[in-house]
């Protein structure tokens, strides 16, 4: 297949991966009393992510896919823990603040990964990366400047923790590139479900207490995340990191748009500071993406 066709194939795969992920924000917003059922939601979402990916592995590798679990190692276990932390942080953040704040905080992930890669792996930290990190930090400060101490700022902080979880997951894959990526994501879903189940058991809150609509939404969200991960990994074979970074912005831009436009009935209009701060973060990510090395990097959201 000509290289131009391969590029287009990768472009559309990653574009639709971001599109799948972008519907996560409105999915959570449709929950009934979402802040009261965070761990219920996380249990079902984590389980559905693991099941979808296991089915995909069976389809692509057959029933011998289980051998991948013997290749996990410490990097796979740590990657599963970090990714499950990101899963948990996203739900907590978006139920405590606006979708825009959560999504724009997630947009800082490439910069966090760059810092951790420099500290842990000794990767070169480019001047442009430092410059764009400063721009992004200014955007974050502006975004939460007018918010009172409470939901928005705490939600933004947890969103940052979620972004850090994604970044740490990326570092574990860079550390051991041979680690089976899909199997690590299966572990993340399982860890997320186990953690949520333990918390619910300790608080004596059975899963059946959550409204049925929330259960269906959590499963749908898990399917969206899993399908996006599959498409993204397939597209990463054809695109360099710069294009991957730019196309992954579809999750941020799309997520903010879906909860804003009236068609979905959510009408979550971002404040002026969120729009300005989020725009600054987006510009920083765009600059970083255009200036990034053409070397392909294993980045998974």
C-alpha atoms as a PDB file:
ATOM      1  CA  UNK A   1       0.000   0.000   0.000  1.00  0.00           C
ATOM      2  CA  UNK A   2       1.398   3.468  -0.911  1.00  0.00           C
ATOM      3  CA  UNK A   3       2.723   5.536   1.978  1.00  0.00           C
ATOM      4  CA  UNK A   4       0.078   8.220   1.397  1.00  0.00           C
ATOM      5  CA  UNK A   5      -2.673   5.632   1.826  1.00  0.00           C
ATOM      6  CA  UNK A   6      -1.025   4.303   4.979  1.00  0.00           C
ATOM      7  CA  UNK A   7      -0.896   7.841   6.367  1.00  0.00           C
ATOM      8  CA  UNK A   8      -4.589   8.376   5.645  1.00  0.00           C
ATOM      9  CA  UNK A   9      -5.390   5.040   7.255  1.00  0.00           C
ATOM     10  CA  UNK A  10      -3.497   6.018  10.391  1.00  0.00           C
ATOM     11  CA  UNK A  11      -5.041   9.496  10.365  1.00  0.00           C
ATOM     12  CA  UNK A  12      -8.615   8.214  10.351  1.00  0.00           C
ATOM     13  CA  UNK A  13      -7.914   5.458  12.894  1.00  0.00           C
ATOM     14  CA  UNK A  14      -6.491   7.924  15.438  1.00  0.00           C
ATOM     15  CA  UNK A  15      -9.080  10.578  14.599  1.00  0.00           C
ATOM     16  CA  UNK A  16     -11.919   8.169  15.364  1.00  0.00           C
ATOM     17  CA  UNK A  17     -10.106   6.976  18.489  1.00  0.00           C
ATOM     18  CA  UNK A  18     -10.205  10.541  19.817  1.00  0.00           C
ATOM     19  CA  UNK A  19     -13.829  10.789  18.717  1.00  0.00           C
ATOM     20  CA  UNK A  20     -14.720   7.675  20.729  1.00  0.00           C
ATOM     21  CA  UNK A  21     -12.969   9.054  23.825  1.00  0.00           C
ATOM     22  CA  UNK A  22     -14.609  12.470  23.454  1.00  0.00           C
ATOM     23  CA  UNK A  23     -18.043  10.951  24.112  1.00  0.00           C
ATOM     24  CA  UNK A  24     -16.883   9.901  27.580  1.00  0.00           C
ATOM     25  CA  UNK A  25     -17.655  13.367  28.998  1.00  0.00           C
ATOM     26  CA  UNK A  26     -21.358  13.484  27.975  1.00  0.00           C
ATOM     27  CA  UNK A  27     -21.743   9.837  28.976  1.00  0.00           C
ATOM     28  CA  UNK A  28     -20.722  10.669  32.550  1.00  0.00           C
ATOM     29  CA  UNK A  29     -22.920  13.777  32.506  1.00  0.00           C
ATOM     30  CA  UNK A  30     -26.020  11.665  31.838  1.00  0.00           C
ATOM     31  CA  UNK A  31     -25.534   9.823  35.149  1.00  0.00           C
ATOM     32  CA  UNK A  32     -28.158  10.245  37.858  1.00  0.00           C
ATOM     33  CA  UNK A  33     -26.471  11.759  40.937  1.00  0.00           C
ATOM     34  CA  UNK A  34     -23.091  10.815  39.477  1.00  0.00           C
ATOM     35  CA  UNK A  35     -21.058  11.971  42.477  1.00  0.00           C
ATOM     36  CA  UNK A  36     -22.890   9.420  44.660  1.00  0.00           C
ATOM     37  CA  UNK A  37     -22.054   6.436  42.442  1.00  0.00           C
ATOM     38  CA  UNK A  38     -18.441   6.985  41.429  1.00  0.00           C
ATOM     39  CA  UNK A  39     -17.164   3.595  42.584  1.00  0.00           C
ATOM     40  CA  UNK A  40     -20.213   1.747  41.249  1.00  0.00           C
ATOM     41  CA  UNK A  41     -19.582   3.377  37.879  1.00  0.00           C
ATOM     42  CA  UNK A  42     -15.863   2.602  37.990  1.00  0.00           C
ATOM     43  CA  UNK A  43     -16.527  -1.054  38.782  1.00  0.00           C
ATOM     44  CA  UNK A  44     -18.688  -1.631  35.718  1.00  0.00           C
ATOM     45  CA  UNK A  45     -16.549   0.546  33.441  1.00  0.00           C
ATOM     46  CA  UNK A  46     -13.319  -1.208  34.432  1.00  0.00           C
ATOM     47  CA  UNK A  47     -14.921  -4.604  33.940  1.00  0.00           C
ATOM     48  CA  UNK A  48     -16.271  -3.688  30.506  1.00  0.00           C
ATOM     49  CA  UNK A  49     -12.861  -2.341  29.389  1.00  0.00           C
ATOM     50  CA  UNK A  50     -11.190  -5.604  30.407  1.00  0.00           C
ATOM     51  CA  UNK A  51     -13.847  -7.764  28.718  1.00  0.00           C
ATOM     52  CA  UNK A  52     -13.787  -5.821  25.419  1.00  0.00           C
ATOM     53  CA  UNK A  53     -10.007  -5.999  25.202  1.00  0.00           C
ATOM     54  CA  UNK A  54      -9.958  -9.700  26.068  1.00  0.00           C
ATOM     55  CA  UNK A  55     -12.473 -10.336  23.276  1.00  0.00           C
ATOM     56  CA  UNK A  56     -10.287  -8.327  20.911  1.00  0.00           C
ATOM     57  CA  UNK A  57      -7.209 -10.338  21.917  1.00  0.00           C
ATOM     58  CA  UNK A  58      -9.099 -13.595  21.366  1.00  0.00           C
ATOM     59  CA  UNK A  59     -10.138 -12.351  17.920  1.00  0.00           C
ATOM     60  CA  UNK A  60      -6.600 -11.289  16.919  1.00  0.00           C
ATOM     61  CA  UNK A  61      -4.437 -13.854  18.736  1.00  0.00           C
ATOM     62  CA  UNK A  62      -6.753 -16.739  19.514  1.00  0.00           C
ATOM     63  CA  UNK A  63      -7.199 -18.387  22.884  1.00  0.00           C
ATOM     64  CA  UNK A  64      -3.438 -18.474  23.389  1.00  0.00           C
ATOM     65  CA  UNK A  65      -3.604 -14.739  24.168  1.00  0.00           C
ATOM     66  CA  UNK A  66      -3.362 -15.652  27.855  1.00  0.00           C
ATOM     67  CA  UNK A  67       0.374 -16.253  27.363  1.00  0.00           C
ATOM     68  CA  UNK A  68       0.780 -12.480  27.163  1.00  0.00           C
ATOM     69  CA  UNK A  69       0.045 -12.306  30.887  1.00  0.00           C
ATOM     70  CA  UNK A  70       3.283 -14.210  31.541  1.00  0.00           C
ATOM     71  CA  UNK A  71       5.189 -11.431  29.748  1.00  0.00           C
ATOM     72  CA  UNK A  72       3.757  -8.612  31.859  1.00  0.00           C
ATOM     73  CA  UNK A  73       6.591  -8.111  34.341  1.00  0.00           C
ATOM     74  CA  UNK A  74       6.940  -5.215  36.754  1.00  0.00           C
ATOM     75  CA  UNK A  75       6.450  -2.624  33.992  1.00  0.00           C
ATOM     76  CA  UNK A  76       3.082  -4.130  33.044  1.00  0.00           C
ATOM     77  CA  UNK A  77       1.889  -4.256  36.652  1.00  0.00           C
ATOM     78  CA  UNK A  78       2.962  -0.662  37.285  1.00  0.00           C
ATOM     79  CA  UNK A  79       1.414   0.388  33.972  1.00  0.00           C
ATOM     80  CA  UNK A  80      -1.872  -1.226  34.973  1.00  0.00           C
ATOM     81  CA  UNK A  81      -1.818   0.557  38.345  1.00  0.00           C
ATOM     82  CA  UNK A  82      -1.033   3.947  36.796  1.00  0.00           C
ATOM     83  CA  UNK A  83      -3.649   3.570  34.065  1.00  0.00           C
ATOM     84  CA  UNK A  84      -6.309   2.505  36.574  1.00  0.00           C
ATOM     85  CA  UNK A  85      -5.383   5.604  38.613  1.00  0.00           C
ATOM     86  CA  UNK A  86      -6.035   7.662  35.479  1.00  0.00           C
ATOM     87  CA  UNK A  87      -9.395   5.915  34.968  1.00  0.00           C
ATOM     88  CA  UNK A  88     -10.440   6.612  38.554  1.00  0.00           C
ATOM     89  CA  UNK A  89      -9.175  10.203  38.521  1.00  0.00           C
ATOM     90  CA  UNK A  90     -11.091  11.052  35.350  1.00  0.00           C
ATOM     91  CA  UNK A  91     -14.453   9.995  36.811  1.00  0.00           C
ATOM     92  CA  UNK A  92     -13.833  11.741  40.126  1.00  0.00           C
ATOM     93  CA  UNK A  93     -12.698  14.934  38.391  1.00  0.00           C
ATOM     94  CA  UNK A  94     -15.555  15.176  35.922  1.00  0.00           C
ATOM     95  CA  UNK A  95     -18.171  14.596  38.649  1.00  0.00           C
ATOM     96  CA  UNK A  96     -16.638  17.407  40.751  1.00  0.00           C
ATOM     97  CA  UNK A  97     -16.100  20.098  38.136  1.00  0.00           C
ATOM     98  CA  UNK A  98     -16.992  20.967  34.552  1.00  0.00           C
ATOM     99  CA  UNK A  99     -16.074  18.675  31.677  1.00  0.00           C
ATOM    100  CA  UNK A 100     -13.978  21.500  30.193  1.00  0.00           C
ATOM    101  CA  UNK A 101     -11.754  21.747  33.279  1.00  0.00           C
ATOM    102  CA  UNK A 102     -11.209  17.976  33.402  1.00  0.00           C
ATOM    103  CA  UNK A 103     -10.491  17.638  29.689  1.00  0.00           C
ATOM    104  CA  UNK A 104      -8.130  20.595  29.487  1.00  0.00           C
ATOM    105  CA  UNK A 105      -6.243  19.259  32.511  1.00  0.00           C
ATOM    106  CA  UNK A 106      -5.836  15.983  30.621  1.00  0.00           C
ATOM    107  CA  UNK A 107      -4.336  17.977  27.755  1.00  0.00           C
ATOM    108  CA  UNK A 108      -1.297  18.631  29.971  1.00  0.00           C
ATOM    109  CA  UNK A 109      -0.386  14.922  29.845  1.00  0.00           C
ATOM    110  CA  UNK A 110       2.299  15.220  27.108  1.00  0.00           C
ATOM    111  CA  UNK A 111       4.179  17.765  29.204  1.00  0.00           C
ATOM    112  CA  UNK A 112       4.004  15.640  32.354  1.00  0.00           C
ATOM    113  CA  UNK A 113       5.276  12.668  30.349  1.00  0.00           C
ATOM    114  CA  UNK A 114       8.154  14.778  29.025  1.00  0.00           C
ATOM    115  CA  UNK A 115       9.244  15.769  32.550  1.00  0.00           C
ATOM    116  CA  UNK A 116       8.959  12.214  33.892  1.00  0.00           C
ATOM    117  CA  UNK A 117      10.770  10.853  30.851  1.00  0.00           C
ATOM    118  CA  UNK A 118      13.639  13.270  31.526  1.00  0.00           C
ATOM    119  CA  UNK A 119      13.829  12.411  35.229  1.00  0.00           C
ATOM    120  CA  UNK A 120      13.248   8.634  35.051  1.00  0.00           C
ATOM    121  CA  UNK A 121      14.487   7.583  31.614  1.00  0.00           C
ATOM    122  CA  UNK A 122      16.991  10.325  30.930  1.00  0.00           C
ATOM    123  CA  UNK A 123      15.153  11.418  27.779  1.00  0.00           C
ATOM    124  CA  UNK A 124      16.203  14.777  26.391  1.00  0.00           C
ATOM    125  CA  UNK A 125      13.924  17.620  27.483  1.00  0.00           C
ATOM    126  CA  UNK A 126      13.670  20.018  24.561  1.00  0.00           C
ATOM    127  CA  UNK A 127      13.599  23.792  24.969  1.00  0.00           C
ATOM    128  CA  UNK A 128      10.288  23.946  23.104  1.00  0.00           C
ATOM    129  CA  UNK A 129       8.824  21.470  25.605  1.00  0.00           C
ATOM    130  CA  UNK A 130       9.852  23.647  28.535  1.00  0.00           C
ATOM    131  CA  UNK A 131       8.448  26.699  26.761  1.00  0.00           C
ATOM    132  CA  UNK A 132       5.086  25.082  26.020  1.00  0.00           C
ATOM    133  CA  UNK A 133       4.861  23.693  29.555  1.00  0.00           C
ATOM    134  CA  UNK A 134       5.098  27.238  30.895  1.00  0.00           C
ATOM    135  CA  UNK A 135       2.346  28.314  28.473  1.00  0.00           C
ATOM    136  CA  UNK A 136       0.161  25.394  29.544  1.00  0.00           C
ATOM    137  CA  UNK A 137       0.710  26.198  33.236  1.00  0.00           C
ATOM    138  CA  UNK A 138      -0.424  29.782  32.617  1.00  0.00           C
ATOM    139  CA  UNK A 139      -3.523  28.380  30.923  1.00  0.00           C
ATOM    140  CA  UNK A 140      -4.306  26.176  33.910  1.00  0.00           C
ATOM    141  CA  UNK A 141      -3.927  29.102  36.331  1.00  0.00           C
ATOM    142  CA  UNK A 142      -6.269  31.263  34.232  1.00  0.00           C
ATOM    143  CA  UNK A 143      -8.764  28.423  33.885  1.00  0.00           C
ATOM    144  CA  UNK A 144      -9.359  28.061  37.633  1.00  0.00           C
ATOM    145  CA  UNK A 145      -8.563  31.654  38.668  1.00  0.00           C
ATOM    146  CA  UNK A 146     -12.149  32.811  39.285  1.00  0.00           C
ATOM    147  CA  UNK A 147     -13.365  29.546  40.806  1.00  0.00           C
ATOM    148  CA  UNK A 148     -13.930  29.321  44.517  1.00  0.00           C
ATOM    149  CA  UNK A 149     -11.962  26.891  46.632  1.00  0.00           C
ATOM    150  CA  UNK A 150     -14.062  23.784  46.287  1.00  0.00           C
ATOM    151  CA  UNK A 151     -15.387  21.644  43.486  1.00  0.00           C
ATOM    152  CA  UNK A 152     -13.671  23.244  40.503  1.00  0.00           C
ATOM    153  CA  UNK A 153     -10.179  23.555  41.955  1.00  0.00           C
ATOM    154  CA  UNK A 154     -10.310  20.143  43.633  1.00  0.00           C
ATOM    155  CA  UNK A 155     -11.723  18.658  40.441  1.00  0.00           C
ATOM    156  CA  UNK A 156      -8.926  20.289  38.450  1.00  0.00           C
ATOM    157  CA  UNK A 157      -6.353  18.859  40.866  1.00  0.00           C
ATOM    158  CA  UNK A 158      -7.790  15.360  40.500  1.00  0.00           C
ATOM    159  CA  UNK A 159      -7.854  15.888  36.730  1.00  0.00           C
ATOM    160  CA  UNK A 160      -4.146  16.652  36.960  1.00  0.00           C
ATOM    161  CA  UNK A 161      -3.641  13.426  38.932  1.00  0.00           C
ATOM    162  CA  UNK A 162      -5.494  11.574  36.171  1.00  0.00           C
ATOM    163  CA  UNK A 163      -3.214  13.153  33.540  1.00  0.00           C
ATOM    164  CA  UNK A 164      -0.200  12.147  35.651  1.00  0.00           C
ATOM    165  CA  UNK A 165      -1.502   8.573  35.751  1.00  0.00           C
ATOM    166  CA  UNK A 166      -1.688   8.503  31.937  1.00  0.00           C
ATOM    167  CA  UNK A 167       1.819   9.990  31.741  1.00  0.00           C
ATOM    168  CA  UNK A 168       3.239   7.408  34.168  1.00  0.00           C
ATOM    169  CA  UNK A 169       1.578   4.648  32.147  1.00  0.00           C
ATOM    170  CA  UNK A 170       3.320   6.014  29.049  1.00  0.00           C
ATOM    171  CA  UNK A 171       6.668   5.992  30.867  1.00  0.00           C
ATOM    172  CA  UNK A 172       6.263   2.315  31.827  1.00  0.00           C
ATOM    173  CA  UNK A 173       5.714   1.436  28.157  1.00  0.00           C
ATOM    174  CA  UNK A 174       8.763   3.432  27.102  1.00  0.00           C
ATOM    175  CA  UNK A 175      10.732   1.722  29.833  1.00  0.00           C
ATOM    176  CA  UNK A 176       9.848  -1.760  28.565  1.00  0.00           C
ATOM    177  CA  UNK A 177       8.573  -1.480  24.968  1.00  0.00           C
ATOM    178  CA  UNK A 178       8.192  -5.248  24.705  1.00  0.00           C
ATOM    179  CA  UNK A 179       5.502  -5.277  27.412  1.00  0.00           C
ATOM    180  CA  UNK A 180       2.144  -6.356  25.850  1.00  0.00           C
ATOM    181  CA  UNK A 181       0.198  -3.094  25.726  1.00  0.00           C
ATOM    182  CA  UNK A 182      -3.314  -4.482  25.434  1.00  0.00           C
ATOM    183  CA  UNK A 183      -2.709  -6.926  28.273  1.00  0.00           C
ATOM    184  CA  UNK A 184      -1.562  -4.031  30.457  1.00  0.00           C
ATOM    185  CA  UNK A 185      -4.833  -2.226  29.704  1.00  0.00           C
ATOM    186  CA  UNK A 186      -6.754  -5.384  30.656  1.00  0.00           C
ATOM    187  CA  UNK A 187      -4.929  -5.309  34.000  1.00  0.00           C
ATOM    188  CA  UNK A 188      -5.851  -1.630  34.422  1.00  0.00           C
ATOM    189  CA  UNK A 189      -9.546  -2.441  33.960  1.00  0.00           C
ATOM    190  CA  UNK A 190      -9.306  -5.332  36.413  1.00  0.00           C
ATOM    191  CA  UNK A 191      -7.412  -3.243  39.000  1.00  0.00           C
ATOM    192  CA  UNK A 192     -10.007  -0.487  38.685  1.00  0.00           C
ATOM    193  CA  UNK A 193     -12.864  -2.929  39.257  1.00  0.00           C
ATOM    194  CA  UNK A 194     -11.164  -4.668  42.181  1.00  0.00           C
ATOM    195  CA  UNK A 195     -10.355  -1.367  43.890  1.00  0.00           C
ATOM    196  CA  UNK A 196     -13.924  -0.126  43.432  1.00  0.00           C
ATOM    197  CA  UNK A 197     -15.380  -3.417  44.679  1.00  0.00           C
ATOM    198  CA  UNK A 198     -13.206  -3.307  47.808  1.00  0.00           C
ATOM    199  CA  UNK A 199     -14.206   0.294  48.545  1.00  0.00           C
ATOM    200  CA  UNK A 200     -17.892  -0.529  48.060  1.00  0.00           C
ATOM    201  CA  UNK A 201     -17.563  -3.568  50.313  1.00  0.00           C
ATOM    202  CA  UNK A 202     -15.872  -1.531  53.026  1.00  0.00           C
ATOM    203  CA  UNK A 203     -18.631   1.070  52.868  1.00  0.00           C
ATOM    204  CA  UNK A 204     -21.374  -1.595  52.751  1.00  0.00           C
ATOM    205  CA  UNK A 205     -22.778  -0.151  49.504  1.00  0.00           C
ATOM    206  CA  UNK A 206     -23.876  -2.994  47.202  1.00  0.00           C
ATOM    207  CA  UNK A 207     -23.649  -2.560  43.440  1.00  0.00           C
ATOM    208  CA  UNK A 208     -27.398  -2.984  43.013  1.00  0.00           C
ATOM    209  CA  UNK A 209     -27.979   0.414  44.660  1.00  0.00           C
ATOM    210  CA  UNK A 210     -26.921   2.272  41.510  1.00  0.00           C
ATOM    211  CA  UNK A 211     -29.730   3.245  39.083  1.00  0.00           C
ATOM    212  CA  UNK A 212     -29.912   0.997  36.025  1.00  0.00           C
ATOM    213  CA  UNK A 213     -29.242   3.907  33.667  1.00  0.00           C
ATOM    214  CA  UNK A 214     -25.912   4.529  35.424  1.00  0.00           C
ATOM    215  CA  UNK A 215     -24.947   0.877  34.990  1.00  0.00           C
ATOM    216  CA  UNK A 216     -25.688   1.017  31.274  1.00  0.00           C
ATOM    217  CA  UNK A 217     -23.772   4.279  30.918  1.00  0.00           C
ATOM    218  CA  UNK A 218     -20.726   2.864  32.712  1.00  0.00           C
ATOM    219  CA  UNK A 219     -20.672  -0.134  30.376  1.00  0.00           C
ATOM    220  CA  UNK A 220     -21.071   2.156  27.367  1.00  0.00           C
ATOM    221  CA  UNK A 221     -18.203   4.322  28.609  1.00  0.00           C
ATOM    222  CA  UNK A 222     -16.005   1.257  29.009  1.00  0.00           C
ATOM    223  CA  UNK A 223     -16.784   0.224  25.419  1.00  0.00           C
ATOM    224  CA  UNK A 224     -15.910   3.723  24.164  1.00  0.00           C
ATOM    225  CA  UNK A 225     -12.581   3.704  26.011  1.00  0.00           C
ATOM    226  CA  UNK A 226     -11.673   0.181  24.883  1.00  0.00           C
ATOM    227  CA  UNK A 227     -12.598   0.795  21.223  1.00  0.00           C
ATOM    228  CA  UNK A 228     -10.638   4.049  21.237  1.00  0.00           C
ATOM    229  CA  UNK A 229      -7.557   2.282  22.625  1.00  0.00           C
ATOM    230  CA  UNK A 230      -7.759  -0.380  19.929  1.00  0.00           C
ATOM    231  CA  UNK A 231      -8.076   2.160  17.101  1.00  0.00           C
ATOM    232  CA  UNK A 232      -5.352   4.384  18.535  1.00  0.00           C
ATOM    233  CA  UNK A 233      -2.864   1.527  18.819  1.00  0.00           C
ATOM    234  CA  UNK A 234      -3.630   0.428  15.256  1.00  0.00           C
ATOM    235  CA  UNK A 235      -3.156   3.967  13.929  1.00  0.00           C
ATOM    236  CA  UNK A 236       0.083   4.500  15.858  1.00  0.00           C
ATOM    237  CA  UNK A 237       1.809   2.118  13.451  1.00  0.00           C
ATOM    238  CA  UNK A 238       1.360   4.578  10.588  1.00  0.00           C
ATOM    239  CA  UNK A 239       1.802   8.007  12.193  1.00  0.00           C
ATOM    240  CA  UNK A 240       4.727   9.717  13.949  1.00  0.00           C
ATOM    241  CA  UNK A 241       4.289  11.114  17.448  1.00  0.00           C
ATOM    242  CA  UNK A 242       3.679  14.714  16.343  1.00  0.00           C
ATOM    243  CA  UNK A 243       0.558  13.802  14.390  1.00  0.00           C
ATOM    244  CA  UNK A 244      -0.604  11.452  17.146  1.00  0.00           C
ATOM    245  CA  UNK A 245      -0.391  14.267  19.703  1.00  0.00           C
ATOM    246  CA  UNK A 246      -2.359  16.623  17.494  1.00  0.00           C
ATOM    247  CA  UNK A 247      -5.082  14.117  16.626  1.00  0.00           C
ATOM    248  CA  UNK A 248      -5.500  13.057  20.256  1.00  0.00           C
ATOM    249  CA  UNK A 249      -6.747  16.618  20.904  1.00  0.00           C
ATOM    250  CA  UNK A 250     -10.025  15.442  19.366  1.00  0.00           C
ATOM    251  CA  UNK A 251     -10.891  13.991  22.781  1.00  0.00           C
ATOM    252  CA  UNK A 252     -10.452  17.360  24.481  1.00  0.00           C
ATOM    253  CA  UNK A 253     -12.081  19.547  21.849  1.00  0.00           C
ATOM    254  CA  UNK A 254     -14.899  17.082  21.130  1.00  0.00           C
ATOM    255  CA  UNK A 255     -15.633  16.454  24.797  1.00  0.00           C
ATOM    256  CA  UNK A 256     -15.993  20.161  25.559  1.00  0.00           C
ATOM    257  CA  UNK A 257     -18.157  20.617  22.464  1.00  0.00           C
ATOM    258  CA  UNK A 258     -20.567  17.722  23.193  1.00  0.00           C
ATOM    259  CA  UNK A 259     -21.441  18.989  26.688  1.00  0.00           C
ATOM    260  CA  UNK A 260     -21.788  22.538  25.374  1.00  0.00           C
ATOM    261  CA  UNK A 261     -23.989  22.266  22.260  1.00  0.00           C
ATOM    262  CA  UNK A 262     -27.753  21.974  22.918  1.00  0.00           C
ATOM    263  CA  UNK A 263     -28.235  18.782  20.855  1.00  0.00           C
ATOM    264  CA  UNK A 264     -27.137  16.569  23.771  1.00  0.00           C
ATOM    265  CA  UNK A 265     -29.277  18.484  26.266  1.00  0.00           C
ATOM    266  CA  UNK A 266     -26.459  19.095  28.750  1.00  0.00           C
ATOM    267  CA  UNK A 267     -25.787  22.771  27.951  1.00  0.00           C
ATOM    268  CA  UNK A 268     -22.675  23.035  30.128  1.00  0.00           C
ATOM    269  CA  UNK A 269     -21.424  26.437  29.005  1.00  0.00           C
ATOM    270  CA  UNK A 270     -17.765  27.030  29.966  1.00  0.00           C
ATOM    271  CA  UNK A 271     -16.954  30.247  31.792  1.00  0.00           C
ATOM    272  CA  UNK A 272     -14.862  32.915  30.087  1.00  0.00           C
ATOM    273  CA  UNK A 273     -11.739  32.006  32.084  1.00  0.00           C
ATOM    274  CA  UNK A 274     -12.135  28.320  31.199  1.00  0.00           C
ATOM    275  CA  UNK A 275     -12.423  29.179  27.497  1.00  0.00           C
ATOM    276  CA  UNK A 276      -9.361  31.440  27.606  1.00  0.00           C
ATOM    277  CA  UNK A 277      -7.299  29.079  29.767  1.00  0.00           C
ATOM    278  CA  UNK A 278      -8.323  26.039  27.743  1.00  0.00           C
ATOM    279  CA  UNK A 279      -7.467  27.819  24.497  1.00  0.00           C
ATOM    280  CA  UNK A 280      -3.998  28.626  25.854  1.00  0.00           C
ATOM    281  CA  UNK A 281      -3.466  24.968  26.838  1.00  0.00           C
ATOM    282  CA  UNK A 282      -4.632  23.863  23.385  1.00  0.00           C
ATOM    283  CA  UNK A 283      -2.208  26.282  21.704  1.00  0.00           C
ATOM    284  CA  UNK A 284       0.603  24.957  23.902  1.00  0.00           C
ATOM    285  CA  UNK A 285      -0.178  21.362  22.917  1.00  0.00           C
ATOM    286  CA  UNK A 286      -0.346  22.342  19.224  1.00  0.00           C
ATOM    287  CA  UNK A 287       3.068  24.031  19.414  1.00  0.00           C
ATOM    288  CA  UNK A 288       4.477  21.022  21.236  1.00  0.00           C
ATOM    289  CA  UNK A 289       2.991  18.637  18.687  1.00  0.00           C
ATOM    290  CA  UNK A 290       4.339  20.527  15.663  1.00  0.00           C
ATOM    291  CA  UNK A 291       7.799  20.784  17.203  1.00  0.00           C
ATOM    292  CA  UNK A 292       7.933  17.205  18.489  1.00  0.00           C
ATOM    293  CA  UNK A 293      10.514  14.786  17.199  1.00  0.00           C
ATOM    294  CA  UNK A 294       9.489  12.625  14.267  1.00  0.00           C
ATOM    295  CA  UNK A 295      10.535   9.596  16.287  1.00  0.00           C
ATOM    296  CA  UNK A 296       7.568   7.343  16.990  1.00  0.00           C
ATOM    297  CA  UNK A 297       6.758   7.042  20.685  1.00  0.00           C
ATOM    298  CA  UNK A 298       4.456   4.546  22.400  1.00  0.00           C
ATOM    299  CA  UNK A 299       1.861   6.936  23.789  1.00  0.00           C
ATOM    300  CA  UNK A 300      -1.509   5.502  24.868  1.00  0.00           C
ATOM    301  CA  UNK A 301      -4.376   7.534  26.369  1.00  0.00           C
END
